[in-house]
């Protein structure tokens, strides 16, 4: 997804009189707490009921999120995440929803009482997960920035109209009403991000983005967000609608670029990325645009196991590395740029340059599990298993040992332990993976291979058999491994049956069986000779 600059500023605006009430109490749901605040907006003579409500709603939500953020920072593990108060508030907006408890309008004052009910520990875990997703974090930063800009514009226009005595009031009122609609649309987009998810097929989010589109029909972000979670026909309709709206800033061109990507139109996508870079305001925004194009280039890297395509881009990885280099030159404080360039270097086989970039990324963000994971896997490629184990272990520690994000780390660490001859530790990691992914046959097969090497044939046979039960079309290596275990136990009939199956799936195993010493116990048996030969 597109990534935008992150700018924070004080959101204290003199729009009315603020009355704050904060209550924290245990709700009917174990672990949940309720946060309640009131806000009163004093309308000007140019405000309507709707504009007053939109502003009041935005302000009471801001106060609620700030209060919730303060609580999270002091009472949960959020305090260990090295986030600013603004960042906590921004991320929380993408997780929880604000509910209006009561509201009242008397033509002059708009009063709102709203609440947030949430389990602080669960919100803290969601913040932890969300902060690791750079793309989603950038989206939330962009939304918060847009809302703040609109609030400032609303206040500017409000003051302008209050002091205006010329004939521009009609135009000023129209501009004010437009800004109010855009502010309301931004609120609905934020609701969409915090709305219900896959359990209801994203219907809550789809409805929220649809409301934003009703209020602001040219808001291409709302179309893009809705397209990403909609069924194919709706998504295609939204994508084509995006392309009918002319972009007027870097962000808009980035959205159009990724839309062309979804439509498999490479050249128009690259054209839009170029326009996004050209129109970017400031170094951070230009860096983000370069990074987006760099990420796009990585989609067209040449892979040895894939047939060449007419859509391939010659030197795609070199181009991506060049764009990430431009991003780093413009904004050397973003660790994701170093991480992305490291990935390009890995694809180019430049492992030492990748290590340098991952070192730089870790220096900027020493608690980024993804960077440790990537460096660990790179050390593994460099045949440095000790260093790999250290980094992969750190990644597991940072993510949490039971987090599904760490499954690859356990897998790579198991391979490294095996390389180091630490088979018991490798088996331990495969056992953890089996607990986390009980339906993945490859985990059982990998543990079985090690048990075979250690002479634990009964355990190996059990794991091979489980792998085959999970996946009846299990690969030839699983049948071959079980044949070895049966042969070691001198169970000739079952060894021959499995070996025959392995050879049927891959004739190469016939040659391997001729050299494998573990078949010596049955090598002179007529059935083995009939299958393999003397």
Protein backbone atom coordinates (compact mmCIF):
# COMPACT_ATOMS: atom_id res chain seq x y z
CA UNK A 1 0.00 0.00 0.00
CA UNK A 2 1.10 3.62 -0.49
CA UNK A 3 3.03 5.21 2.32
CA UNK A 4 2.86 8.85 3.31
CA UNK A 5 4.73 11.31 5.47
CA UNK A 6 4.04 11.35 9.19
CA UNK A 7 3.61 14.79 10.74
CA UNK A 8 2.14 15.47 14.17
CA UNK A 9 1.09 18.74 15.73
CA UNK A 10 -1.05 19.95 18.59
CA UNK A 11 -4.73 19.51 17.89
CA UNK A 12 -5.93 22.06 20.42
CA UNK A 13 -8.33 24.27 18.46
CA UNK A 14 -10.50 26.99 19.91
CA UNK A 15 -13.81 25.83 18.47
CA UNK A 16 -15.88 25.87 21.62
CA UNK A 17 -16.14 25.18 25.31
CA UNK A 18 -14.86 21.79 26.43
CA UNK A 19 -16.40 19.96 29.37
CA UNK A 20 -14.63 16.71 30.14
CA UNK A 21 -15.89 13.77 32.12
CA UNK A 22 -13.78 10.65 32.43
CA UNK A 23 -15.02 7.42 33.91
CA UNK A 24 -13.14 4.12 34.03
CA UNK A 25 -15.05 1.13 35.25
CA UNK A 26 -15.15 -2.60 34.78
CA UNK A 27 -17.89 -3.51 32.33
CA UNK A 28 -19.98 -6.64 32.06
CA UNK A 29 -17.19 -8.09 29.92
CA UNK A 30 -14.23 -9.38 31.90
CA UNK A 31 -11.15 -7.25 31.32
CA UNK A 32 -13.03 -4.47 29.51
CA UNK A 33 -13.05 -0.86 30.61
CA UNK A 34 -15.29 2.00 29.60
CA UNK A 35 -13.99 5.49 28.86
CA UNK A 36 -16.56 8.32 28.64
CA UNK A 37 -16.13 11.97 27.68
CA UNK A 38 -18.35 14.94 26.90
CA UNK A 39 -17.74 17.77 24.50
CA UNK A 40 -19.71 20.94 23.84
CA UNK A 41 -19.22 22.87 20.62
CA UNK A 42 -20.31 26.51 20.46
CA UNK A 43 -21.57 27.11 16.94
CA UNK A 44 -21.06 30.27 14.97
CA UNK A 45 -23.85 31.85 12.96
CA UNK A 46 -22.44 30.13 9.88
CA UNK A 47 -22.67 26.63 11.41
CA UNK A 48 -25.50 24.21 10.81
CA UNK A 49 -26.61 21.37 13.04
CA UNK A 50 -24.61 19.00 10.82
CA UNK A 51 -21.35 20.99 10.82
CA UNK A 52 -21.58 21.43 14.60
CA UNK A 53 -22.11 17.69 15.07
CA UNK A 54 -19.20 16.75 12.79
CA UNK A 55 -16.79 19.01 14.67
CA UNK A 56 -18.07 17.95 18.09
CA UNK A 57 -17.81 14.28 17.17
CA UNK A 58 -14.25 14.66 15.95
CA UNK A 59 -13.20 16.51 19.08
CA UNK A 60 -14.85 14.16 21.58
CA UNK A 61 -13.26 11.21 19.78
CA UNK A 62 -9.86 12.89 19.98
CA UNK A 63 -10.26 13.37 23.71
CA UNK A 64 -11.37 9.77 24.20
CA UNK A 65 -8.46 8.36 22.22
CA UNK A 66 -5.98 10.53 24.09
CA UNK A 67 -7.38 9.40 27.44
CA UNK A 68 -7.37 5.76 26.38
CA UNK A 69 -3.81 6.17 25.07
CA UNK A 70 -2.69 7.62 28.41
CA UNK A 71 -4.24 4.68 30.24
CA UNK A 72 -2.65 2.15 27.89
CA UNK A 73 0.74 3.79 28.25
CA UNK A 74 0.65 3.61 32.04
CA UNK A 75 -1.17 0.32 32.65
CA UNK A 76 -0.23 -2.08 29.80
CA UNK A 77 2.78 -3.32 27.85
CA UNK A 78 2.32 -0.39 25.43
CA UNK A 79 4.76 1.50 27.66
CA UNK A 80 7.51 -0.81 26.37
CA UNK A 81 6.85 -0.15 22.68
CA UNK A 82 8.88 3.08 22.44
CA UNK A 83 5.94 4.97 20.92
CA UNK A 84 5.08 8.64 21.38
CA UNK A 85 1.72 9.62 22.86
CA UNK A 86 0.56 10.79 19.43
CA UNK A 87 1.57 7.47 17.85
CA UNK A 88 -0.35 5.49 20.47
CA UNK A 89 -3.43 7.63 19.89
CA UNK A 90 -3.10 7.30 16.13
CA UNK A 91 -2.78 3.50 16.22
CA UNK A 92 -5.64 3.16 18.69
CA UNK A 93 -7.91 5.01 16.25
CA UNK A 94 -7.44 2.11 13.84
CA UNK A 95 -8.49 -0.45 16.46
CA UNK A 96 -11.38 0.83 18.60
CA UNK A 97 -14.67 2.48 17.72
CA UNK A 98 -16.36 5.40 19.41
CA UNK A 99 -20.01 5.06 20.39
CA UNK A 100 -22.30 8.07 20.89
CA UNK A 101 -24.14 7.78 24.21
CA UNK A 102 -26.20 10.97 23.98
CA UNK A 103 -26.32 14.23 22.03
CA UNK A 104 -28.23 17.52 22.15
CA UNK A 105 -28.52 20.60 19.89
CA UNK A 106 -30.23 23.84 20.87
CA UNK A 107 -29.29 25.90 17.83
CA UNK A 108 -26.28 27.39 19.55
CA UNK A 109 -24.52 24.56 21.41
CA UNK A 110 -23.97 20.99 20.27
CA UNK A 111 -23.36 18.64 23.18
CA UNK A 112 -22.08 15.08 22.76
CA UNK A 113 -21.39 12.30 25.21
CA UNK A 114 -19.42 9.38 23.74
CA UNK A 115 -17.70 6.29 25.01
CA UNK A 116 -15.12 3.70 24.11
CA UNK A 117 -15.43 0.24 25.63
CA UNK A 118 -12.38 -1.97 25.18
CA UNK A 119 -10.15 -4.56 26.80
CA UNK A 120 -6.90 -2.62 27.36
CA UNK A 121 -4.70 -5.71 27.17
CA UNK A 122 -6.26 -6.78 23.86
CA UNK A 123 -5.93 -3.24 22.49
CA UNK A 124 -2.28 -3.24 23.58
CA UNK A 125 -1.69 -6.49 21.71
CA UNK A 126 -3.40 -5.05 18.63
CA UNK A 127 -1.19 -1.95 18.85
CA UNK A 128 1.85 -4.22 19.07
CA UNK A 129 0.78 -6.09 15.93
CA UNK A 130 -0.20 -2.93 14.07
CA UNK A 131 3.00 -1.00 14.82
CA UNK A 132 4.99 -3.74 13.04
CA UNK A 133 2.98 -3.27 9.85
CA UNK A 134 4.64 -0.24 8.26
CA UNK A 135 2.06 0.08 5.49
CA UNK A 136 -0.98 0.11 7.78
CA UNK A 137 0.80 2.44 10.16
CA UNK A 138 1.47 4.85 7.32
CA UNK A 139 -2.19 4.70 6.32
CA UNK A 140 -3.28 5.62 9.84
CA UNK A 141 -0.69 8.40 10.00
CA UNK A 142 -1.98 9.77 6.70
CA UNK A 143 -5.60 9.66 7.89
CA UNK A 144 -4.79 11.44 11.12
CA UNK A 145 -2.78 14.08 9.26
CA UNK A 146 -5.65 14.62 6.80
CA UNK A 147 -8.19 15.04 9.61
CA UNK A 148 -5.97 17.51 11.41
CA UNK A 149 -5.44 19.50 8.21
CA UNK A 150 -9.20 19.62 7.65
CA UNK A 151 -9.84 20.76 11.21
CA UNK A 152 -7.36 23.59 10.72
CA UNK A 153 -9.00 24.51 7.42
CA UNK A 154 -12.44 24.49 9.05
CA UNK A 155 -11.21 26.81 11.79
CA UNK A 156 -9.53 29.12 9.25
CA UNK A 157 -12.70 29.40 7.16
CA UNK A 158 -14.84 29.89 10.26
CA UNK A 159 -12.71 32.82 11.37
CA UNK A 160 -12.61 34.21 7.86
CA UNK A 161 -16.40 34.22 7.59
CA UNK A 162 -16.78 35.78 11.02
CA UNK A 163 -14.71 38.79 9.96
CA UNK A 164 -15.87 39.00 6.36
CA UNK A 165 -18.03 41.88 5.15
CA UNK A 166 -17.54 41.45 1.42
CA UNK A 167 -19.43 39.61 -1.26
CA UNK A 168 -17.40 36.43 -0.97
CA UNK A 169 -19.54 34.92 1.79
CA UNK A 170 -21.39 32.58 -0.56
CA UNK A 171 -18.11 31.15 -1.84
CA UNK A 172 -16.69 31.03 1.68
CA UNK A 173 -19.76 29.20 2.98
CA UNK A 174 -19.49 26.69 0.14
CA UNK A 175 -15.82 26.10 0.95
CA UNK A 176 -16.70 25.70 4.63
CA UNK A 177 -19.45 23.17 3.87
CA UNK A 178 -17.10 21.27 1.59
CA UNK A 179 -14.45 21.04 4.29
CA UNK A 180 -17.06 19.79 6.76
CA UNK A 181 -18.09 17.03 4.35
CA UNK A 182 -14.47 16.06 3.80
CA UNK A 183 -13.89 15.99 7.55
CA UNK A 184 -16.90 13.76 8.02
CA UNK A 185 -15.69 11.49 5.21
CA UNK A 186 -12.28 11.23 6.90
CA UNK A 187 -14.07 10.15 10.07
CA UNK A 188 -15.91 7.40 8.18
CA UNK A 189 -12.66 6.17 6.63
CA UNK A 190 -11.18 5.93 10.11
CA UNK A 191 -14.27 4.00 11.22
CA UNK A 192 -13.77 1.67 8.29
CA UNK A 193 -10.26 0.84 9.46
CA UNK A 194 -11.52 0.03 12.96
CA UNK A 195 -14.70 -1.72 11.80
CA UNK A 196 -15.54 -5.41 11.81
CA UNK A 197 -13.27 -7.73 9.86
CA UNK A 198 -13.34 -11.10 8.11
CA UNK A 199 -15.90 -12.65 10.46
CA UNK A 200 -18.62 -10.63 8.74
CA UNK A 201 -16.83 -10.42 5.37
CA UNK A 202 -15.79 -6.82 6.22
CA UNK A 203 -19.35 -5.59 5.84
CA UNK A 204 -18.90 -3.00 8.60
CA UNK A 205 -15.82 -1.61 6.91
CA UNK A 206 -17.40 -1.69 3.44
CA UNK A 207 -20.38 0.27 4.75
CA UNK A 208 -18.14 2.84 6.43
CA UNK A 209 -16.06 3.42 3.30
CA UNK A 210 -19.30 3.66 1.31
CA UNK A 211 -20.53 6.42 3.62
CA UNK A 212 -17.25 8.28 3.11
CA UNK A 213 -17.75 8.04 -0.66
CA UNK A 214 -21.30 9.42 -0.37
CA UNK A 215 -19.98 12.46 1.48
CA UNK A 216 -16.90 12.93 -0.72
CA UNK A 217 -17.41 11.26 -4.15
CA UNK A 218 -13.88 12.14 -5.31
CA UNK A 219 -12.12 10.63 -2.29
CA UNK A 220 -9.98 8.03 -4.03
CA UNK A 221 -8.64 6.69 -0.74
CA UNK A 222 -12.13 5.58 0.25
CA UNK A 223 -12.58 3.78 -3.08
CA UNK A 224 -9.20 2.10 -2.73
CA UNK A 225 -9.78 0.92 0.84
CA UNK A 226 -13.20 -0.45 -0.11
CA UNK A 227 -11.82 -2.18 -3.19
CA UNK A 228 -9.19 -4.02 -1.14
CA UNK A 229 -11.81 -5.82 0.95
CA UNK A 230 -14.71 -6.12 -1.52
CA UNK A 231 -15.78 -8.99 -3.73
CA UNK A 232 -14.35 -8.94 -7.24
CA UNK A 233 -17.11 -7.05 -9.09
CA UNK A 234 -17.29 -4.26 -6.50
CA UNK A 235 -13.51 -4.07 -6.33
CA UNK A 236 -13.17 -3.73 -10.10
CA UNK A 237 -15.84 -1.05 -10.15
CA UNK A 238 -13.98 0.91 -7.47
CA UNK A 239 -10.64 0.51 -9.22
CA UNK A 240 -12.03 1.91 -12.47
CA UNK A 241 -13.71 4.73 -10.55
CA UNK A 242 -10.32 5.64 -9.08
CA UNK A 243 -8.86 5.90 -12.58
CA UNK A 244 -11.64 8.29 -13.58
CA UNK A 245 -10.62 10.73 -10.85
CA UNK A 246 -7.65 12.93 -11.65
CA UNK A 247 -5.02 12.87 -8.90
CA UNK A 248 -3.92 16.24 -7.60
CA UNK A 249 -1.13 15.21 -5.24
CA UNK A 250 1.51 12.55 -4.68
CA UNK A 251 -0.81 10.43 -2.57
CA UNK A 252 -3.41 10.32 -5.32
CA UNK A 253 -0.88 9.22 -7.91
CA UNK A 254 0.36 6.47 -5.60
CA UNK A 255 -3.18 5.16 -5.21
CA UNK A 256 -3.65 5.22 -8.98
CA UNK A 257 -0.30 3.43 -9.42
CA UNK A 258 -1.30 0.58 -7.12
CA UNK A 259 -4.70 0.46 -8.82
CA UNK A 260 -2.98 -0.12 -12.16
CA UNK A 261 -0.98 -2.83 -10.43
CA UNK A 262 -4.23 -4.55 -9.42
CA UNK A 263 -5.36 -4.30 -13.05
CA UNK A 264 -2.03 -5.76 -14.30
CA UNK A 265 -1.20 -2.62 -16.29
CA UNK A 266 2.51 -2.17 -15.75
CA UNK A 267 3.37 0.86 -17.88
CA UNK A 268 0.55 3.12 -16.59
CA UNK A 269 1.50 2.09 -13.05
CA UNK A 270 5.10 3.15 -13.57
CA UNK A 271 3.92 6.43 -15.09
CA UNK A 272 1.84 7.15 -11.97
CA UNK A 273 4.74 6.31 -9.67
CA UNK A 274 6.84 8.81 -11.59
CA UNK A 275 4.18 11.50 -11.16
CA UNK A 276 3.95 10.71 -7.45
CA UNK A 277 7.69 11.25 -7.06
CA UNK A 278 7.51 14.47 -9.08
CA UNK A 279 4.60 15.95 -7.08
CA UNK A 280 5.81 14.85 -3.63
CA UNK A 281 6.10 17.71 -1.16
CA UNK A 282 9.12 17.54 1.11
CA UNK A 283 11.83 14.94 1.50
CA UNK A 284 9.83 12.41 3.56
CA UNK A 285 6.96 12.32 1.08
CA UNK A 286 9.33 12.01 -1.88
CA UNK A 287 11.22 9.23 -0.06
CA UNK A 288 7.96 7.34 0.49
CA UNK A 289 7.11 7.64 -3.21
CA UNK A 290 10.51 6.28 -4.23
CA UNK A 291 10.06 3.44 -1.76
CA UNK A 292 6.65 2.56 -3.18
CA UNK A 293 8.07 2.36 -6.70
CA UNK A 294 10.95 0.28 -5.39
CA UNK A 295 8.50 -2.16 -3.82
CA UNK A 296 6.62 -2.31 -7.11
CA UNK A 297 9.79 -3.20 -9.02
CA UNK A 298 10.40 -6.14 -6.68
CA UNK A 299 7.21 -7.74 -8.02
CA UNK A 300 8.98 -8.24 -11.36
CA UNK A 301 12.24 -9.77 -10.23
CA UNK A 302 13.45 -12.73 -12.29
CA UNK A 303 13.02 -16.07 -10.54
CA UNK A 304 14.82 -19.15 -11.80
CA UNK A 305 11.85 -21.40 -11.17
CA UNK A 306 9.37 -19.28 -13.14
CA UNK A 307 9.07 -19.16 -16.90
CA UNK A 308 10.08 -15.76 -18.36
CA UNK A 309 7.14 -13.43 -18.90
CA UNK A 310 6.61 -10.66 -21.40
CA UNK A 311 5.69 -8.51 -18.40
CA UNK A 312 9.09 -8.95 -16.76
CA UNK A 313 11.14 -5.82 -16.14
CA UNK A 314 14.84 -6.33 -17.00
CA UNK A 315 16.99 -5.51 -13.99
CA UNK A 316 13.95 -5.10 -11.72
CA UNK A 317 15.92 -5.77 -8.55
CA UNK A 318 18.64 -3.30 -9.54
CA UNK A 319 15.95 -0.69 -10.17
CA UNK A 320 14.30 -1.41 -6.83
CA UNK A 321 17.62 -1.12 -4.99
CA UNK A 322 18.24 2.21 -6.74
CA UNK A 323 14.85 3.57 -5.64
CA UNK A 324 15.37 2.43 -2.05
CA UNK A 325 18.76 4.14 -2.15
CA UNK A 326 17.01 7.37 -3.22
CA UNK A 327 14.51 6.95 -0.38
CA UNK A 328 17.32 6.45 2.15
CA UNK A 329 19.17 9.53 0.89
CA UNK A 330 16.02 11.61 1.39
CA UNK A 331 14.97 10.05 4.71
CA UNK A 332 17.70 8.01 6.44
CA UNK A 333 15.58 7.67 9.60
CA UNK A 334 13.08 5.11 8.26
CA UNK A 335 14.26 1.53 8.99
CA UNK A 336 11.84 0.04 6.46
CA UNK A 337 13.82 1.57 3.58
CA UNK A 338 16.94 -0.25 4.73
CA UNK A 339 14.92 -3.45 5.17
CA UNK A 340 13.49 -3.18 1.66
CA UNK A 341 16.87 -2.48 0.07
CA UNK A 342 18.30 -5.44 1.96
CA UNK A 343 15.62 -7.63 0.38
CA UNK A 344 16.65 -6.38 -3.06
CA UNK A 345 20.30 -7.08 -2.30
CA UNK A 346 19.38 -10.58 -1.18
CA UNK A 347 17.65 -11.18 -4.50
CA UNK A 348 20.81 -9.99 -6.24
CA UNK A 349 22.98 -12.30 -4.13
CA UNK A 350 24.70 -9.35 -2.44
CA UNK A 351 24.48 -10.81 1.03
CA UNK A 352 27.08 -8.63 2.71
CA UNK A 353 25.38 -5.44 1.49
CA UNK A 354 22.10 -6.86 2.80
CA UNK A 355 23.71 -7.43 6.21
CA UNK A 356 24.96 -3.82 6.23
CA UNK A 357 21.44 -2.53 5.56
CA UNK A 358 19.85 -4.79 8.17
CA UNK A 359 22.45 -3.59 10.70
CA UNK A 360 21.47 0.00 9.88
CA UNK A 361 17.79 -0.82 10.25
CA UNK A 362 18.31 -2.49 13.63
CA UNK A 363 20.32 0.51 14.83
CA UNK A 364 17.33 2.72 14.00
CA UNK A 365 14.75 0.30 15.42
CA UNK A 366 16.41 -2.11 17.87
CA UNK A 367 13.11 -3.82 18.75
CA UNK A 368 12.03 -4.60 15.18
CA UNK A 369 11.56 -8.38 15.07
CA UNK A 370 11.32 -8.40 11.27
CA UNK A 371 14.81 -6.96 10.90
CA UNK A 372 16.33 -9.56 13.21
CA UNK A 373 14.45 -12.29 11.37
CA UNK A 374 15.74 -11.06 7.99
CA UNK A 375 19.32 -10.76 9.26
CA UNK A 376 19.11 -14.23 10.79
CA UNK A 377 17.97 -15.74 7.50
CA UNK A 378 20.75 -13.87 5.70
CA UNK A 379 23.36 -15.25 8.09
CA UNK A 380 21.88 -18.67 7.38
CA UNK A 381 22.48 -18.11 3.65
CA UNK A 382 26.04 -17.06 4.46
CA UNK A 383 26.59 -20.36 6.30
CA UNK A 384 26.90 -18.64 9.68
CA UNK A 385 24.44 -20.68 11.75
CA UNK A 386 25.61 -19.40 15.15
CA UNK A 387 24.87 -15.78 14.20
CA UNK A 388 21.63 -16.87 12.53
CA UNK A 389 20.43 -18.63 15.68
CA UNK A 390 21.14 -15.53 17.79
CA UNK A 391 19.11 -13.26 15.50
CA UNK A 392 16.25 -15.69 14.97
CA UNK A 393 16.02 -16.21 18.73
CA UNK A 394 15.87 -12.44 19.23
CA UNK A 395 13.09 -12.18 16.64
CA UNK A 396 11.11 -14.87 18.45
CA UNK A 397 11.64 -13.10 21.77
CA UNK A 398 10.43 -9.76 20.38
CA UNK A 399 7.38 -11.19 18.61
CA UNK A 400 6.43 -13.50 21.46
CA UNK A 401 7.02 -17.27 21.30
CA UNK A 402 3.42 -18.12 20.45
CA UNK A 403 2.87 -15.44 17.81
CA UNK A 404 2.07 -16.89 14.38
CA UNK A 405 4.47 -14.37 12.83
CA UNK A 406 7.42 -16.35 14.20
CA UNK A 407 6.74 -19.67 12.47
CA UNK A 408 9.38 -19.00 9.82
CA UNK A 409 11.85 -18.04 12.52
CA UNK A 410 11.35 -21.34 14.30
CA UNK A 411 11.73 -23.19 11.00
CA UNK A 412 14.97 -21.45 10.03
CA UNK A 413 16.34 -21.78 13.54
CA UNK A 414 15.62 -25.51 13.46
CA UNK A 415 17.63 -25.83 10.25
CA UNK A 416 20.48 -23.88 11.84
CA UNK A 417 20.44 -26.04 14.95
CA UNK A 418 20.63 -29.07 12.69
CA UNK A 419 23.61 -27.52 10.88
CA UNK A 420 25.28 -27.05 14.26
CA UNK A 421 24.58 -30.64 15.23
CA UNK A 422 22.16 -29.55 17.98
CA UNK A 423 19.51 -32.05 16.97
CA UNK A 424 17.57 -32.00 20.24
CA UNK A 425 17.14 -28.22 19.96
CA UNK A 426 16.09 -28.60 16.33
CA UNK A 427 13.52 -31.23 17.33
CA UNK A 428 12.27 -28.87 20.03
CA UNK A 429 11.65 -26.16 17.44
CA UNK A 430 9.85 -28.55 15.10
CA UNK A 431 7.71 -29.64 18.07
CA UNK A 432 6.78 -26.01 18.75
CA UNK A 433 5.84 -25.58 15.09
CA UNK A 434 3.71 -28.72 15.20
CA UNK A 435 1.85 -27.30 18.18
CA UNK A 436 1.33 -24.01 16.34
CA UNK A 437 0.51 -25.61 12.96
CA UNK A 438 -0.90 -29.07 13.67
CA UNK A 439 -2.21 -29.47 10.13
CA UNK A 440 1.11 -28.80 8.37
CA UNK A 441 2.52 -32.15 7.27
CA UNK A 442 5.97 -30.72 6.50
CA UNK A 443 6.63 -30.01 10.19
CA UNK A 444 6.02 -33.64 11.11
CA UNK A 445 8.21 -34.79 8.23
CA UNK A 446 11.06 -32.52 9.26
CA UNK A 447 10.93 -33.73 12.86
CA UNK A 448 10.78 -37.31 11.61
CA UNK A 449 13.94 -36.80 9.50
CA UNK A 450 15.88 -35.75 12.60
CA UNK A 451 14.50 -38.61 14.67
CA UNK A 452 15.61 -40.95 11.91
CA UNK A 453 19.13 -39.52 12.10
CA UNK A 454 19.16 -40.02 15.89
CA UNK A 455 17.98 -43.62 15.61
CA UNK A 456 14.58 -42.87 17.16
CA UNK A 457 12.85 -45.00 14.53
CA UNK A 458 9.52 -45.53 16.27
CA UNK A 459 9.11 -41.78 16.77
CA UNK A 460 10.17 -41.16 13.17
CA UNK A 461 7.64 -43.68 11.83
CA UNK A 462 4.89 -42.09 13.89
CA UNK A 463 5.66 -38.61 12.54
CA UNK A 464 5.99 -39.79 8.93
CA UNK A 465 2.66 -41.59 9.27
CA UNK A 466 1.00 -38.47 10.69
CA UNK A 467 2.36 -36.41 7.77
CA UNK A 468 0.90 -38.92 5.30
CA UNK A 469 -2.46 -38.93 7.13
CA UNK A 470 -2.62 -35.13 6.93
CA UNK A 471 -1.59 -35.12 3.27
CA UNK A 472 -2.21 -38.43 1.44
CA UNK A 473 -0.33 -36.99 -1.53
CA UNK A 474 2.73 -36.54 0.64
CA UNK A 475 6.03 -36.14 -1.19
CA UNK A 476 8.39 -38.93 -2.12
CA UNK A 477 10.88 -37.93 0.60
CA UNK A 478 8.36 -38.79 3.33
CA UNK A 479 7.80 -42.30 2.00
CA UNK A 480 11.55 -42.73 1.54
CA UNK A 481 12.23 -41.58 5.11
CA UNK A 482 9.66 -43.96 6.53
CA UNK A 483 11.13 -46.78 4.41
CA UNK A 484 14.52 -46.08 6.00
CA UNK A 485 13.02 -46.25 9.49
CA UNK A 486 11.22 -49.50 8.73
CA UNK A 487 14.41 -50.97 7.24
CA UNK A 488 16.37 -50.05 10.36
CA UNK A 489 13.78 -51.94 12.37
CA UNK A 490 14.10 -54.85 9.87
CA UNK A 491 10.43 -54.56 8.94
CA UNK A 492 11.04 -55.58 5.36
CA UNK A 493 7.45 -55.68 4.00
CA UNK A 494 6.66 -52.12 5.08
CA UNK A 495 10.10 -50.86 4.08
CA UNK A 496 9.65 -52.29 0.57
CA UNK A 497 6.10 -50.88 0.27
CA UNK A 498 7.23 -47.35 1.19
CA UNK A 499 10.38 -47.52 -0.92
CA UNK A 500 8.38 -48.63 -3.93
CA UNK A 501 6.00 -45.68 -3.42
CA UNK A 502 8.91 -43.24 -3.12
CA UNK A 503 10.47 -44.53 -6.36
CA UNK A 504 7.13 -44.29 -8.16
CA UNK A 505 6.92 -40.64 -7.17
CA UNK A 506 10.60 -39.91 -7.89
CA UNK A 507 12.84 -42.50 -9.66
CA UNK A 508 15.90 -40.76 -8.22
CA UNK A 509 15.30 -42.62 -4.94
CA UNK A 510 16.20 -45.90 -6.63
CA UNK A 511 19.76 -44.66 -7.04
CA UNK A 512 19.83 -43.33 -3.50
CA UNK A 513 18.67 -46.65 -2.09
CA UNK A 514 21.59 -48.41 -3.76
CA UNK A 515 24.03 -46.33 -1.68
CA UNK A 516 22.10 -45.92 1.57
CA UNK A 517 23.70 -47.99 4.36
CA UNK A 518 20.52 -48.07 6.41
CA UNK A 519 19.05 -50.47 3.86
CA UNK A 520 21.86 -52.95 4.49
CA UNK A 521 19.69 -54.93 6.91
CA UNK A 522 17.32 -55.88 4.05
CA UNK A 523 19.59 -55.44 1.05
CA UNK A 524 19.96 -59.18 0.37
CA UNK A 525 16.24 -59.85 0.57
CA UNK A 526 14.79 -60.98 -2.81
CA UNK A 527 12.05 -58.32 -2.71
CA UNK A 528 14.65 -55.56 -2.21
CA UNK A 529 16.81 -56.97 -5.00
CA UNK A 530 13.76 -57.19 -7.25
CA UNK A 531 12.99 -53.52 -6.63
CA UNK A 532 16.51 -52.04 -6.56
CA UNK A 533 18.79 -54.66 -8.09
CA UNK A 534 22.08 -55.99 -6.76
